[in-house]
């Protein structure tokens, strides 16, 4: 989602939803119900064939500062997506139980979370990341029994953070980032991270769909930092 601000376009809804029951808190129910039918830019629709399947975990929790989301920052030494903030996740292996299994496995491997404390609520429609040729399924979940998290492998993950929704929606933390080509996309400055690109695009859509977004200054535009561009050129 690192590009111009695109309008929404209809996509086929994901088929995975669960009975929210009593596990899902009231403040999350509206978004969980909308997630499988969210609309995304037509430019993010996966191609009919090809591209490797992947999944990311959009994990909502509730900490001392209220509702939050789990994010990580990838290590600067990685060959792809070096130094980028992201949701936990990765490619879907043949041994995974589809996107849900992959998202939970990757999150456990990257952050050490205990998947048994996570209730999966829905999957969002697939999104296409042209740069890395992945078709990504976001998996929406509730962290009903939080466990300790940390960067389990410093060679892959630099840091892990539970970022409060209040921090993500604070207008002071919102901006748009201009890439080297001049394309613009939403961004966030939170927990010492500049969240941009694909992850920021998902965050922006999630906050809007959940009704948590607050008005912010969309004319605040900054160039992508040179050090971030340099990391991307190594790929």
C-alpha atoms as a PDB file:
ATOM      1  CA  UNK A   1       0.000   0.000   0.000  1.00  0.00           C
ATOM      2  CA  UNK A   2       2.937   2.277  -0.539  1.00  0.00           C
ATOM      3  CA  UNK A   3       1.687   4.568  -3.287  1.00  0.00           C
ATOM      4  CA  UNK A   4      -0.837   7.222  -4.177  1.00  0.00           C
ATOM      5  CA  UNK A   5      -3.934   7.562  -2.052  1.00  0.00           C
ATOM      6  CA  UNK A   6      -6.309   5.349  -4.037  1.00  0.00           C
ATOM      7  CA  UNK A   7     -10.069   5.205  -3.798  1.00  0.00           C
ATOM      8  CA  UNK A   8     -11.779   2.047  -2.606  1.00  0.00           C
ATOM      9  CA  UNK A   9     -12.933  -0.583  -5.042  1.00  0.00           C
ATOM     10  CA  UNK A  10     -15.023  -3.659  -4.363  1.00  0.00           C
ATOM     11  CA  UNK A  11     -13.324  -7.017  -3.950  1.00  0.00           C
ATOM     12  CA  UNK A  12     -14.714 -10.429  -3.303  1.00  0.00           C
ATOM     13  CA  UNK A  13     -15.260 -10.947   0.435  1.00  0.00           C
ATOM     14  CA  UNK A  14     -13.201 -13.432   2.366  1.00  0.00           C
ATOM     15  CA  UNK A  15     -15.132 -16.470   3.521  1.00  0.00           C
ATOM     16  CA  UNK A  16     -13.648 -16.859   6.994  1.00  0.00           C
ATOM     17  CA  UNK A  17     -15.695 -15.560   9.914  1.00  0.00           C
ATOM     18  CA  UNK A  18     -16.500 -17.032  13.321  1.00  0.00           C
ATOM     19  CA  UNK A  19     -19.253 -16.647  15.866  1.00  0.00           C
ATOM     20  CA  UNK A  20     -17.995 -13.742  17.969  1.00  0.00           C
ATOM     21  CA  UNK A  21     -19.608 -15.258  21.053  1.00  0.00           C
ATOM     22  CA  UNK A  22     -18.389 -13.829  24.349  1.00  0.00           C
ATOM     23  CA  UNK A  23     -14.660 -13.871  23.509  1.00  0.00           C
ATOM     24  CA  UNK A  24     -14.747 -10.649  21.479  1.00  0.00           C
ATOM     25  CA  UNK A  25     -15.015  -7.359  23.426  1.00  0.00           C
ATOM     26  CA  UNK A  26     -17.827  -4.996  22.508  1.00  0.00           C
ATOM     27  CA  UNK A  27     -15.506  -2.316  21.095  1.00  0.00           C
ATOM     28  CA  UNK A  28     -14.075  -4.795  18.561  1.00  0.00           C
ATOM     29  CA  UNK A  29     -17.289  -6.448  17.368  1.00  0.00           C
ATOM     30  CA  UNK A  30     -18.194  -3.866  14.748  1.00  0.00           C
ATOM     31  CA  UNK A  31     -14.829  -4.117  13.009  1.00  0.00           C
ATOM     32  CA  UNK A  32     -14.704  -7.918  13.255  1.00  0.00           C
ATOM     33  CA  UNK A  33     -18.078  -8.113  11.507  1.00  0.00           C
ATOM     34  CA  UNK A  34     -16.963  -5.737   8.722  1.00  0.00           C
ATOM     35  CA  UNK A  35     -13.507  -7.198   8.161  1.00  0.00           C
ATOM     36  CA  UNK A  36     -14.363  -9.993   5.687  1.00  0.00           C
ATOM     37  CA  UNK A  37     -16.157  -7.539   3.388  1.00  0.00           C
ATOM     38  CA  UNK A  38     -13.828  -4.581   3.578  1.00  0.00           C
ATOM     39  CA  UNK A  39     -13.185  -2.763   0.331  1.00  0.00           C
ATOM     40  CA  UNK A  40      -9.689  -2.090  -0.921  1.00  0.00           C
ATOM     41  CA  UNK A  41      -8.155  -0.369  -3.888  1.00  0.00           C
ATOM     42  CA  UNK A  42      -8.526  -2.173  -7.196  1.00  0.00           C
ATOM     43  CA  UNK A  43      -4.748  -1.781  -7.574  1.00  0.00           C
ATOM     44  CA  UNK A  44      -4.256  -4.096  -4.584  1.00  0.00           C
ATOM     45  CA  UNK A  45      -6.311  -6.966  -5.978  1.00  0.00           C
ATOM     46  CA  UNK A  46      -4.165 -10.079  -6.418  1.00  0.00           C
ATOM     47  CA  UNK A  47      -3.558 -11.364  -9.939  1.00  0.00           C
ATOM     48  CA  UNK A  48      -5.631 -14.316 -11.132  1.00  0.00           C
ATOM     49  CA  UNK A  49      -2.547 -16.559 -11.102  1.00  0.00           C
ATOM     50  CA  UNK A  50       0.869 -16.566  -9.522  1.00  0.00           C
ATOM     51  CA  UNK A  51       2.253 -14.746  -6.485  1.00  0.00           C
ATOM     52  CA  UNK A  52       3.099 -16.553  -3.281  1.00  0.00           C
ATOM     53  CA  UNK A  53       0.392 -16.796  -0.637  1.00  0.00           C
ATOM     54  CA  UNK A  54       1.129 -15.127   2.700  1.00  0.00           C
ATOM     55  CA  UNK A  55      -0.707 -13.993   5.822  1.00  0.00           C
ATOM     56  CA  UNK A  56      -0.326 -11.344   8.517  1.00  0.00           C
ATOM     57  CA  UNK A  57      -1.837 -11.274  12.000  1.00  0.00           C
ATOM     58  CA  UNK A  58      -3.833  -8.173  12.964  1.00  0.00           C
ATOM     59  CA  UNK A  59      -3.922  -8.891  16.674  1.00  0.00           C
ATOM     60  CA  UNK A  60      -6.016  -6.657  18.916  1.00  0.00           C
ATOM     61  CA  UNK A  61      -5.364  -6.682  22.638  1.00  0.00           C
ATOM     62  CA  UNK A  62      -6.262  -4.569  25.628  1.00  0.00           C
ATOM     63  CA  UNK A  63      -3.424  -3.297  27.797  1.00  0.00           C
ATOM     64  CA  UNK A  64      -2.945  -0.671  30.493  1.00  0.00           C
ATOM     65  CA  UNK A  65      -3.362   2.082  27.872  1.00  0.00           C
ATOM     66  CA  UNK A  66      -6.523   0.629  26.378  1.00  0.00           C
ATOM     67  CA  UNK A  67      -7.029  -1.286  23.114  1.00  0.00           C
ATOM     68  CA  UNK A  68      -3.849  -1.952  21.164  1.00  0.00           C
ATOM     69  CA  UNK A  69      -2.353  -3.703  18.145  1.00  0.00           C
ATOM     70  CA  UNK A  70       0.768  -5.862  17.932  1.00  0.00           C
ATOM     71  CA  UNK A  71       3.457  -4.561  15.563  1.00  0.00           C
ATOM     72  CA  UNK A  72       7.102  -5.409  15.004  1.00  0.00           C
ATOM     73  CA  UNK A  73      10.077  -3.834  13.284  1.00  0.00           C
ATOM     74  CA  UNK A  74      12.092  -6.049  10.994  1.00  0.00           C
ATOM     75  CA  UNK A  75      15.878  -6.219  11.344  1.00  0.00           C
ATOM     76  CA  UNK A  76      18.010  -3.951   9.140  1.00  0.00           C
ATOM     77  CA  UNK A  77      20.022  -6.983   8.025  1.00  0.00           C
ATOM     78  CA  UNK A  78      17.167  -8.757   6.220  1.00  0.00           C
ATOM     79  CA  UNK A  79      17.370  -9.214   2.459  1.00  0.00           C
ATOM     80  CA  UNK A  80      13.740  -8.107   1.959  1.00  0.00           C
ATOM     81  CA  UNK A  81      11.711  -5.473   3.848  1.00  0.00           C
ATOM     82  CA  UNK A  82      14.755  -4.609   5.967  1.00  0.00           C
ATOM     83  CA  UNK A  83      14.004  -2.249   8.843  1.00  0.00           C
ATOM     84  CA  UNK A  84      10.310  -1.982   8.040  1.00  0.00           C
ATOM     85  CA  UNK A  85       7.572  -1.982  10.695  1.00  0.00           C
ATOM     86  CA  UNK A  86       5.046  -4.724  10.007  1.00  0.00           C
ATOM     87  CA  UNK A  87       2.365  -6.985  11.360  1.00  0.00           C
ATOM     88  CA  UNK A  88       3.657 -10.439  12.339  1.00  0.00           C
ATOM     89  CA  UNK A  89       3.377 -12.771   9.392  1.00  0.00           C
ATOM     90  CA  UNK A  90       4.964 -14.393   6.376  1.00  0.00           C
ATOM     91  CA  UNK A  91       4.547 -16.968   3.645  1.00  0.00           C
ATOM     92  CA  UNK A  92       2.026 -19.790   3.952  1.00  0.00           C
ATOM     93  CA  UNK A  93       3.800 -23.157   4.153  1.00  0.00           C
ATOM     94  CA  UNK A  94       2.256 -26.427   2.919  1.00  0.00           C
ATOM     95  CA  UNK A  95       2.088 -27.631   6.526  1.00  0.00           C
ATOM     96  CA  UNK A  96       0.099 -24.584   7.674  1.00  0.00           C
ATOM     97  CA  UNK A  97      -3.651 -24.681   8.111  1.00  0.00           C
ATOM     98  CA  UNK A  98      -4.108 -21.960   5.505  1.00  0.00           C
ATOM     99  CA  UNK A  99      -3.732 -18.241   6.268  1.00  0.00           C
ATOM    100  CA  UNK A 100      -4.865 -18.595   9.891  1.00  0.00           C
ATOM    101  CA  UNK A 101      -2.304 -21.275  10.660  1.00  0.00           C
ATOM    102  CA  UNK A 102       0.446 -19.329   8.927  1.00  0.00           C
ATOM    103  CA  UNK A 103      -0.338 -16.063  10.689  1.00  0.00           C
ATOM    104  CA  UNK A 104      -0.347 -17.700  14.128  1.00  0.00           C
ATOM    105  CA  UNK A 105       2.802 -19.730  13.439  1.00  0.00           C
ATOM    106  CA  UNK A 106       4.727 -16.721  12.148  1.00  0.00           C
ATOM    107  CA  UNK A 107       3.594 -14.556  15.067  1.00  0.00           C
ATOM    108  CA  UNK A 108       4.742 -17.203  17.537  1.00  0.00           C
ATOM    109  CA  UNK A 109       8.094 -17.539  15.773  1.00  0.00           C
ATOM    110  CA  UNK A 110       8.683 -13.790  15.493  1.00  0.00           C
ATOM    111  CA  UNK A 111       7.342 -12.532  18.821  1.00  0.00           C
ATOM    112  CA  UNK A 112       7.079 -15.578  21.099  1.00  0.00           C
ATOM    113  CA  UNK A 113       3.343 -15.106  21.664  1.00  0.00           C
ATOM    114  CA  UNK A 114       1.290 -18.109  22.791  1.00  0.00           C
ATOM    115  CA  UNK A 115      -1.297 -18.850  20.050  1.00  0.00           C
ATOM    116  CA  UNK A 116      -3.538 -20.659  22.539  1.00  0.00           C
ATOM    117  CA  UNK A 117      -4.459 -17.256  23.997  1.00  0.00           C
ATOM    118  CA  UNK A 118      -5.603 -15.907  20.636  1.00  0.00           C
ATOM    119  CA  UNK A 119      -9.152 -16.075  19.233  1.00  0.00           C
ATOM    120  CA  UNK A 120      -9.309 -15.693  15.451  1.00  0.00           C
ATOM    121  CA  UNK A 121     -12.315 -13.578  14.437  1.00  0.00           C
ATOM    122  CA  UNK A 122     -12.132 -13.195  10.644  1.00  0.00           C
ATOM    123  CA  UNK A 123      -9.949 -12.866   7.604  1.00  0.00           C
ATOM    124  CA  UNK A 124      -9.911  -9.807   5.364  1.00  0.00           C
ATOM    125  CA  UNK A 125      -9.845  -9.995   1.545  1.00  0.00           C
ATOM    126  CA  UNK A 126      -6.487 -10.803  -0.009  1.00  0.00           C
ATOM    127  CA  UNK A 127      -4.169  -7.904  -0.820  1.00  0.00           C
ATOM    128  CA  UNK A 128      -1.396  -7.907  -3.388  1.00  0.00           C
ATOM    129  CA  UNK A 129       2.100  -6.633  -2.618  1.00  0.00           C
ATOM    130  CA  UNK A 130       3.563  -6.131  -6.084  1.00  0.00           C
ATOM    131  CA  UNK A 131       7.065  -5.286  -4.840  1.00  0.00           C
ATOM    132  CA  UNK A 132       7.541  -8.735  -3.272  1.00  0.00           C
ATOM    133  CA  UNK A 133       4.871 -10.564  -5.324  1.00  0.00           C
ATOM    134  CA  UNK A 134       2.896 -11.769  -2.322  1.00  0.00           C
ATOM    135  CA  UNK A 135      -0.855 -12.184  -2.065  1.00  0.00           C
ATOM    136  CA  UNK A 136      -1.487 -11.450   1.602  1.00  0.00           C
ATOM    137  CA  UNK A 137      -4.479 -12.459   3.738  1.00  0.00           C
ATOM    138  CA  UNK A 138      -4.841 -10.309   6.902  1.00  0.00           C
ATOM    139  CA  UNK A 139      -6.096 -12.446   9.801  1.00  0.00           C
ATOM    140  CA  UNK A 140      -8.052 -10.498  12.435  1.00  0.00           C
ATOM    141  CA  UNK A 141      -7.804 -11.835  15.996  1.00  0.00           C
ATOM    142  CA  UNK A 142      -8.472 -10.998  19.648  1.00  0.00           C
ATOM    143  CA  UNK A 143      -5.740 -11.515  22.247  1.00  0.00           C
ATOM    144  CA  UNK A 144      -8.004 -12.774  24.998  1.00  0.00           C
ATOM    145  CA  UNK A 145      -5.095 -14.089  27.123  1.00  0.00           C
ATOM    146  CA  UNK A 146      -2.032 -11.936  26.385  1.00  0.00           C
ATOM    147  CA  UNK A 147       1.405 -13.507  26.734  1.00  0.00           C
ATOM    148  CA  UNK A 148       4.821 -11.896  26.922  1.00  0.00           C
ATOM    149  CA  UNK A 149       6.271 -10.921  23.547  1.00  0.00           C
ATOM    150  CA  UNK A 150       9.748  -9.975  22.407  1.00  0.00           C
ATOM    151  CA  UNK A 151      12.026 -10.122  19.376  1.00  0.00           C
ATOM    152  CA  UNK A 152      12.784 -13.845  19.387  1.00  0.00           C
ATOM    153  CA  UNK A 153      15.418 -13.689  16.633  1.00  0.00           C
ATOM    154  CA  UNK A 154      17.354 -10.400  16.439  1.00  0.00           C
ATOM    155  CA  UNK A 155      18.519 -11.429  12.979  1.00  0.00           C
ATOM    156  CA  UNK A 156      14.933 -11.129  11.741  1.00  0.00           C
ATOM    157  CA  UNK A 157      13.087  -8.867  14.195  1.00  0.00           C
ATOM    158  CA  UNK A 158      14.574  -5.750  15.787  1.00  0.00           C
ATOM    159  CA  UNK A 159      11.702  -4.991  18.193  1.00  0.00           C
ATOM    160  CA  UNK A 160       8.115  -5.847  19.109  1.00  0.00           C
ATOM    161  CA  UNK A 161       5.537  -3.403  20.465  1.00  0.00           C
ATOM    162  CA  UNK A 162       1.926  -3.305  21.572  1.00  0.00           C
ATOM    163  CA  UNK A 163       0.803   0.016  20.105  1.00  0.00           C
ATOM    164  CA  UNK A 164      -2.322   1.588  21.675  1.00  0.00           C
ATOM    165  CA  UNK A 165      -5.086   2.576  19.267  1.00  0.00           C
ATOM    166  CA  UNK A 166      -5.091   5.962  21.009  1.00  0.00           C
ATOM    167  CA  UNK A 167      -1.491   6.471  19.878  1.00  0.00           C
ATOM    168  CA  UNK A 168      -2.247   5.370  16.318  1.00  0.00           C
ATOM    169  CA  UNK A 169      -5.236   7.722  16.065  1.00  0.00           C
ATOM    170  CA  UNK A 170      -3.524  10.717  17.686  1.00  0.00           C
ATOM    171  CA  UNK A 171      -3.468  13.394  14.942  1.00  0.00           C
ATOM    172  CA  UNK A 172       0.036  14.369  16.055  1.00  0.00           C
ATOM    173  CA  UNK A 173       1.254  10.921  14.976  1.00  0.00           C
ATOM    174  CA  UNK A 174      -0.344  10.951  11.521  1.00  0.00           C
ATOM    175  CA  UNK A 175       1.227  12.053   8.230  1.00  0.00           C
ATOM    176  CA  UNK A 176       1.646  11.065   4.608  1.00  0.00           C
ATOM    177  CA  UNK A 177       4.915   9.790   3.192  1.00  0.00           C
ATOM    178  CA  UNK A 178       6.218  10.589  -0.283  1.00  0.00           C
ATOM    179  CA  UNK A 179       8.297   7.830  -1.846  1.00  0.00           C
ATOM    180  CA  UNK A 180      11.150   8.326  -4.342  1.00  0.00           C
ATOM    181  CA  UNK A 181       8.690   8.093  -7.260  1.00  0.00           C
ATOM    182  CA  UNK A 182       6.495  10.814  -5.759  1.00  0.00           C
ATOM    183  CA  UNK A 183       3.717   8.454  -4.704  1.00  0.00           C
ATOM    184  CA  UNK A 184       1.984   9.274  -1.421  1.00  0.00           C
ATOM    185  CA  UNK A 185       0.700   6.968   1.288  1.00  0.00           C
ATOM    186  CA  UNK A 186      -0.483   7.180   4.911  1.00  0.00           C
ATOM    187  CA  UNK A 187       2.070   6.857   7.703  1.00  0.00           C
ATOM    188  CA  UNK A 188       2.312   6.821  11.498  1.00  0.00           C
ATOM    189  CA  UNK A 189       5.036   7.799  13.968  1.00  0.00           C
ATOM    190  CA  UNK A 190       4.523   5.525  16.973  1.00  0.00           C
ATOM    191  CA  UNK A 191       6.739   3.756  19.524  1.00  0.00           C
ATOM    192  CA  UNK A 192       9.840   5.184  17.863  1.00  0.00           C
ATOM    193  CA  UNK A 193       8.842   3.691  14.488  1.00  0.00           C
ATOM    194  CA  UNK A 194       7.880   5.259  11.181  1.00  0.00           C
ATOM    195  CA  UNK A 195       5.117   2.953   9.951  1.00  0.00           C
ATOM    196  CA  UNK A 196       4.620   3.388   6.202  1.00  0.00           C
ATOM    197  CA  UNK A 197       3.884   1.430   3.037  1.00  0.00           C
ATOM    198  CA  UNK A 198       1.744  -1.701   3.039  1.00  0.00           C
ATOM    199  CA  UNK A 199       1.421  -1.921   6.829  1.00  0.00           C
ATOM    200  CA  UNK A 200       0.397   1.726   7.193  1.00  0.00           C
ATOM    201  CA  UNK A 201      -2.169   1.280   4.439  1.00  0.00           C
ATOM    202  CA  UNK A 202      -3.767  -1.628   6.295  1.00  0.00           C
ATOM    203  CA  UNK A 203      -3.699   0.316   9.562  1.00  0.00           C
ATOM    204  CA  UNK A 204      -5.354   3.299   7.910  1.00  0.00           C
ATOM    205  CA  UNK A 205      -8.144   1.101   6.499  1.00  0.00           C
ATOM    206  CA  UNK A 206      -8.624  -0.755   9.789  1.00  0.00           C
ATOM    207  CA  UNK A 207      -8.935   2.442  11.836  1.00  0.00           C
ATOM    208  CA  UNK A 208     -11.502   3.838   9.400  1.00  0.00           C
ATOM    209  CA  UNK A 209     -13.545   0.630   9.264  1.00  0.00           C
ATOM    210  CA  UNK A 210     -13.497   0.284  13.061  1.00  0.00           C
ATOM    211  CA  UNK A 211     -14.746   3.827  13.561  1.00  0.00           C
ATOM    212  CA  UNK A 212     -11.640   4.719  15.569  1.00  0.00           C
ATOM    213  CA  UNK A 213     -10.085   7.189  13.132  1.00  0.00           C
ATOM    214  CA  UNK A 214      -9.851  10.862  14.111  1.00  0.00           C
ATOM    215  CA  UNK A 215      -9.469  13.882  11.847  1.00  0.00           C
ATOM    216  CA  UNK A 216      -5.815  14.593  11.052  1.00  0.00           C
ATOM    217  CA  UNK A 217      -3.820  16.930   8.849  1.00  0.00           C
ATOM    218  CA  UNK A 218      -3.537  15.145   5.496  1.00  0.00           C
ATOM    219  CA  UNK A 219      -1.452  18.047   4.154  1.00  0.00           C
ATOM    220  CA  UNK A 220       1.415  17.028   6.445  1.00  0.00           C
ATOM    221  CA  UNK A 221       3.716  15.342   3.925  1.00  0.00           C
ATOM    222  CA  UNK A 222       7.281  14.150   4.471  1.00  0.00           C
ATOM    223  CA  UNK A 223       9.748  12.412   2.172  1.00  0.00           C
ATOM    224  CA  UNK A 224      10.671   8.835   2.945  1.00  0.00           C
ATOM    225  CA  UNK A 225      13.918   9.079   4.954  1.00  0.00           C
ATOM    226  CA  UNK A 226      17.100   8.469   2.987  1.00  0.00           C
ATOM    227  CA  UNK A 227      18.162   5.656   5.321  1.00  0.00           C
ATOM    228  CA  UNK A 228      14.913   3.799   4.616  1.00  0.00           C
ATOM    229  CA  UNK A 229      15.388   4.229   0.875  1.00  0.00           C
ATOM    230  CA  UNK A 230      18.963   2.930   1.161  1.00  0.00           C
ATOM    231  CA  UNK A 231      17.771  -0.230   2.952  1.00  0.00           C
ATOM    232  CA  UNK A 232      15.231  -0.843   0.191  1.00  0.00           C
ATOM    233  CA  UNK A 233      17.890  -0.516  -2.507  1.00  0.00           C
ATOM    234  CA  UNK A 234      19.730  -3.507  -1.084  1.00  0.00           C
ATOM    235  CA  UNK A 235      16.912  -5.843  -2.147  1.00  0.00           C
END
